[in-house]
Amino acid sequence: MGSRADVLDFRSPGAQMKDYKVGDHVMVKLSAGRLVEAEIKAVINTTDGVRLQVSFGEETARIYVWQVVERIKED
């Protein structure tokens, strides 16, 4: 995963949806329980709420916001 200078916890009360943007690197918990480091490729507004399109390795996934465990702040 490389060195992480700072990790921001999105479950904190101060975190808001506007904090997510394309290009952010986040730690995501997938449905099978696997944790992966991913890059946000799109922020999608649906009738069910906001979803994130993320890319990790050779794969992509559309995830719920609650699946983001933490944001990895780049130097």
N, C-alpha and C. Protein backbone atom coordinates (compact mmCIF):
# COMPACT_ATOMS: atom_id res chain seq x y z
N MET A 1 0.80 -1.19 0.00
CA MET A 1 0.00 0.00 0.00
C MET A 1 0.84 1.25 0.00
N GLY A 2 2.12 1.15 0.21
CA GLY A 2 2.95 2.33 0.23
C GLY A 2 2.83 3.07 1.53
N SER A 3 3.51 4.19 1.62
CA SER A 3 3.47 4.96 2.86
C SER A 3 2.24 5.86 2.85
N ARG A 4 1.59 5.95 3.99
CA ARG A 4 0.44 6.82 4.14
C ARG A 4 0.79 7.89 5.15
N ALA A 5 0.83 9.11 4.69
CA ALA A 5 1.22 10.22 5.57
C ALA A 5 0.13 10.50 6.59
N ASP A 6 -1.12 10.38 6.19
CA ASP A 6 -2.22 10.73 7.07
C ASP A 6 -3.44 9.95 6.65
N VAL A 7 -4.22 9.50 7.61
CA VAL A 7 -5.46 8.78 7.31
C VAL A 7 -6.60 9.54 7.93
N LEU A 8 -7.63 9.83 7.14
CA LEU A 8 -8.79 10.56 7.62
C LEU A 8 -9.95 9.59 7.76
N ASP A 9 -10.57 9.54 8.92
CA ASP A 9 -11.67 8.62 9.17
C ASP A 9 -12.98 9.28 8.75
N PHE A 10 -13.67 8.70 7.75
CA PHE A 10 -14.92 9.27 7.25
C PHE A 10 -16.10 9.00 8.16
N ARG A 11 -15.92 8.16 9.17
CA ARG A 11 -17.01 7.90 10.10
C ARG A 11 -17.08 8.97 11.18
N SER A 12 -16.11 9.89 11.18
CA SER A 12 -16.11 10.94 12.20
C SER A 12 -17.26 11.92 11.93
N PRO A 13 -17.77 12.57 12.96
CA PRO A 13 -18.91 13.47 12.80
C PRO A 13 -18.65 14.61 11.82
N GLY A 14 -17.41 15.05 11.65
CA GLY A 14 -17.12 16.17 10.76
C GLY A 14 -17.04 15.79 9.29
N ALA A 15 -16.99 14.50 8.99
CA ALA A 15 -16.88 14.06 7.59
C ALA A 15 -18.21 14.26 6.88
N GLN A 16 -18.15 14.78 5.65
CA GLN A 16 -19.36 15.01 4.87
C GLN A 16 -19.16 14.46 3.48
N MET A 17 -20.27 14.28 2.77
CA MET A 17 -20.21 13.71 1.42
C MET A 17 -19.37 14.58 0.50
N LYS A 18 -19.33 15.88 0.71
CA LYS A 18 -18.56 16.74 -0.18
C LYS A 18 -17.06 16.46 -0.07
N ASP A 19 -16.66 15.70 0.95
CA ASP A 19 -15.25 15.35 1.11
C ASP A 19 -14.78 14.35 0.05
N TYR A 20 -15.70 13.62 -0.57
CA TYR A 20 -15.33 12.66 -1.60
C TYR A 20 -15.23 13.35 -2.94
N LYS A 21 -14.15 13.05 -3.68
CA LYS A 21 -14.04 13.59 -5.03
C LYS A 21 -13.25 12.62 -5.89
N VAL A 22 -13.42 12.74 -7.18
CA VAL A 22 -12.71 11.88 -8.13
C VAL A 22 -11.21 12.03 -7.91
N GLY A 23 -10.53 10.91 -7.87
CA GLY A 23 -9.09 10.91 -7.67
C GLY A 23 -8.66 10.62 -6.24
N ASP A 24 -9.59 10.71 -5.28
CA ASP A 24 -9.26 10.39 -3.89
C ASP A 24 -8.93 8.91 -3.77
N HIS A 25 -8.00 8.60 -2.88
CA HIS A 25 -7.66 7.22 -2.58
C HIS A 25 -8.30 6.86 -1.25
N VAL A 26 -9.02 5.74 -1.23
CA VAL A 26 -9.76 5.33 -0.05
C VAL A 26 -9.53 3.85 0.23
N MET A 27 -9.74 3.47 1.49
CA MET A 27 -9.74 2.07 1.88
C MET A 27 -11.20 1.66 1.91
N VAL A 28 -11.54 0.56 1.21
CA VAL A 28 -12.93 0.14 1.03
C VAL A 28 -13.10 -1.28 1.53
N LYS A 29 -14.23 -1.51 2.21
CA LYS A 29 -14.58 -2.88 2.62
C LYS A 29 -15.60 -3.41 1.63
N LEU A 30 -15.20 -4.42 0.86
CA LEU A 30 -16.09 -4.99 -0.15
C LEU A 30 -17.09 -5.94 0.50
N SER A 31 -18.08 -6.38 -0.27
CA SER A 31 -19.17 -7.20 0.28
C SER A 31 -18.68 -8.52 0.87
N ALA A 32 -17.59 -9.06 0.37
CA ALA A 32 -17.05 -10.32 0.90
C ALA A 32 -16.19 -10.08 2.14
N GLY A 33 -16.07 -8.82 2.57
CA GLY A 33 -15.28 -8.50 3.75
C GLY A 33 -13.83 -8.15 3.45
N ARG A 34 -13.45 -8.23 2.19
CA ARG A 34 -12.07 -7.92 1.79
C ARG A 34 -11.85 -6.41 1.83
N LEU A 35 -10.71 -5.99 2.38
CA LEU A 35 -10.33 -4.58 2.39
C LEU A 35 -9.37 -4.32 1.23
N VAL A 36 -9.66 -3.28 0.45
CA VAL A 36 -8.80 -2.92 -0.66
C VAL A 36 -8.57 -1.42 -0.68
N GLU A 37 -7.41 -1.01 -1.19
CA GLU A 37 -7.14 0.40 -1.42
C GLU A 37 -7.61 0.70 -2.83
N ALA A 38 -8.46 1.72 -2.97
CA ALA A 38 -9.07 2.02 -4.27
C ALA A 38 -9.01 3.51 -4.56
N GLU A 39 -9.19 3.84 -5.84
CA GLU A 39 -9.26 5.23 -6.27
C GLU A 39 -10.68 5.52 -6.73
N ILE A 40 -11.23 6.65 -6.29
CA ILE A 40 -12.58 7.03 -6.71
C ILE A 40 -12.52 7.53 -8.15
N LYS A 41 -13.32 6.89 -9.00
CA LYS A 41 -13.38 7.26 -10.42
C LYS A 41 -14.60 8.12 -10.74
N ALA A 42 -15.68 7.98 -9.94
CA ALA A 42 -16.89 8.77 -10.16
C ALA A 42 -17.71 8.83 -8.89
N VAL A 43 -18.39 9.96 -8.69
CA VAL A 43 -19.36 10.12 -7.61
C VAL A 43 -20.73 10.18 -8.31
N ILE A 44 -21.61 9.21 -7.99
CA ILE A 44 -22.85 9.03 -8.72
C ILE A 44 -24.04 9.30 -7.80
N ASN A 45 -24.90 10.23 -8.20
CA ASN A 45 -26.13 10.51 -7.46
C ASN A 45 -27.25 9.64 -8.03
N THR A 46 -27.86 8.80 -7.17
CA THR A 46 -28.97 7.95 -7.60
C THR A 46 -30.17 8.26 -6.72
N THR A 47 -31.31 7.66 -7.06
CA THR A 47 -32.50 7.87 -6.24
C THR A 47 -32.33 7.23 -4.86
N ASP A 48 -31.42 6.28 -4.74
CA ASP A 48 -31.13 5.63 -3.46
C ASP A 48 -30.05 6.34 -2.67
N GLY A 49 -29.50 7.41 -3.20
CA GLY A 49 -28.43 8.14 -2.53
C GLY A 49 -27.16 8.14 -3.36
N VAL A 50 -26.09 8.59 -2.77
CA VAL A 50 -24.81 8.71 -3.47
C VAL A 50 -24.09 7.38 -3.46
N ARG A 51 -23.53 7.00 -4.62
CA ARG A 51 -22.71 5.80 -4.75
C ARG A 51 -21.36 6.25 -5.32
N LEU A 52 -20.33 5.45 -5.09
CA LEU A 52 -19.00 5.75 -5.60
C LEU A 52 -18.56 4.66 -6.57
N GLN A 53 -18.02 5.05 -7.70
CA GLN A 53 -17.39 4.10 -8.63
C GLN A 53 -15.91 4.11 -8.28
N VAL A 54 -15.37 2.96 -7.90
CA VAL A 54 -13.98 2.88 -7.49
C VAL A 54 -13.23 1.86 -8.34
N SER A 55 -11.93 2.06 -8.42
CA SER A 55 -11.06 1.17 -9.18
C SER A 55 -9.95 0.68 -8.25
N PHE A 56 -9.68 -0.63 -8.31
CA PHE A 56 -8.60 -1.22 -7.51
C PHE A 56 -8.00 -2.36 -8.32
N GLY A 57 -6.70 -2.28 -8.54
CA GLY A 57 -6.06 -3.29 -9.40
C GLY A 57 -6.66 -3.25 -10.79
N GLU A 58 -7.09 -4.41 -11.27
CA GLU A 58 -7.71 -4.51 -12.60
C GLU A 58 -9.24 -4.49 -12.50
N GLU A 59 -9.78 -4.23 -11.32
CA GLU A 59 -11.22 -4.31 -11.10
C GLU A 59 -11.83 -2.95 -10.80
N THR A 60 -13.15 -2.85 -11.02
CA THR A 60 -13.90 -1.67 -10.63
C THR A 60 -15.15 -2.13 -9.89
N ALA A 61 -15.71 -1.26 -9.09
CA ALA A 61 -16.93 -1.58 -8.36
C ALA A 61 -17.71 -0.31 -8.07
N ARG A 62 -19.02 -0.44 -7.98
CA ARG A 62 -19.87 0.66 -7.53
C ARG A 62 -20.24 0.32 -6.09
N ILE A 63 -19.87 1.21 -5.18
CA ILE A 63 -20.03 0.92 -3.75
C ILE A 63 -20.92 1.96 -3.08
N TYR A 64 -21.42 1.60 -1.92
CA TYR A 64 -22.14 2.53 -1.06
C TYR A 64 -21.11 3.35 -0.28
N VAL A 65 -21.49 4.53 0.11
CA VAL A 65 -20.60 5.41 0.86
C VAL A 65 -20.18 4.76 2.18
N TRP A 66 -21.08 4.01 2.82
CA TRP A 66 -20.76 3.39 4.11
C TRP A 66 -19.67 2.32 4.00
N GLN A 67 -19.34 1.88 2.78
CA GLN A 67 -18.30 0.89 2.60
C GLN A 67 -16.90 1.49 2.66
N VAL A 68 -16.81 2.81 2.63
CA VAL A 68 -15.51 3.47 2.76
C VAL A 68 -15.11 3.43 4.22
N VAL A 69 -13.96 2.83 4.49
CA VAL A 69 -13.46 2.70 5.85
C VAL A 69 -12.64 3.92 6.24
N GLU A 70 -11.81 4.39 5.29
CA GLU A 70 -10.99 5.57 5.55
C GLU A 70 -10.50 6.15 4.23
N ARG A 71 -10.15 7.43 4.28
CA ARG A 71 -9.56 8.09 3.11
C ARG A 71 -8.08 8.17 3.35
N ILE A 72 -7.32 7.88 2.33
CA ILE A 72 -5.86 7.93 2.42
C ILE A 72 -5.42 9.25 1.83
N LYS A 73 -4.84 10.09 2.66
CA LYS A 73 -4.42 11.42 2.21
C LYS A 73 -3.03 11.30 1.58
N GLU A 74 -2.94 11.74 0.34
CA GLU A 74 -1.68 11.71 -0.41
C GLU A 74 -0.80 12.89 -0.02
N ASP A 75 0.49 12.70 -0.12
CA ASP A 75 1.43 13.81 0.14
C ASP A 75 1.40 14.82 -0.97
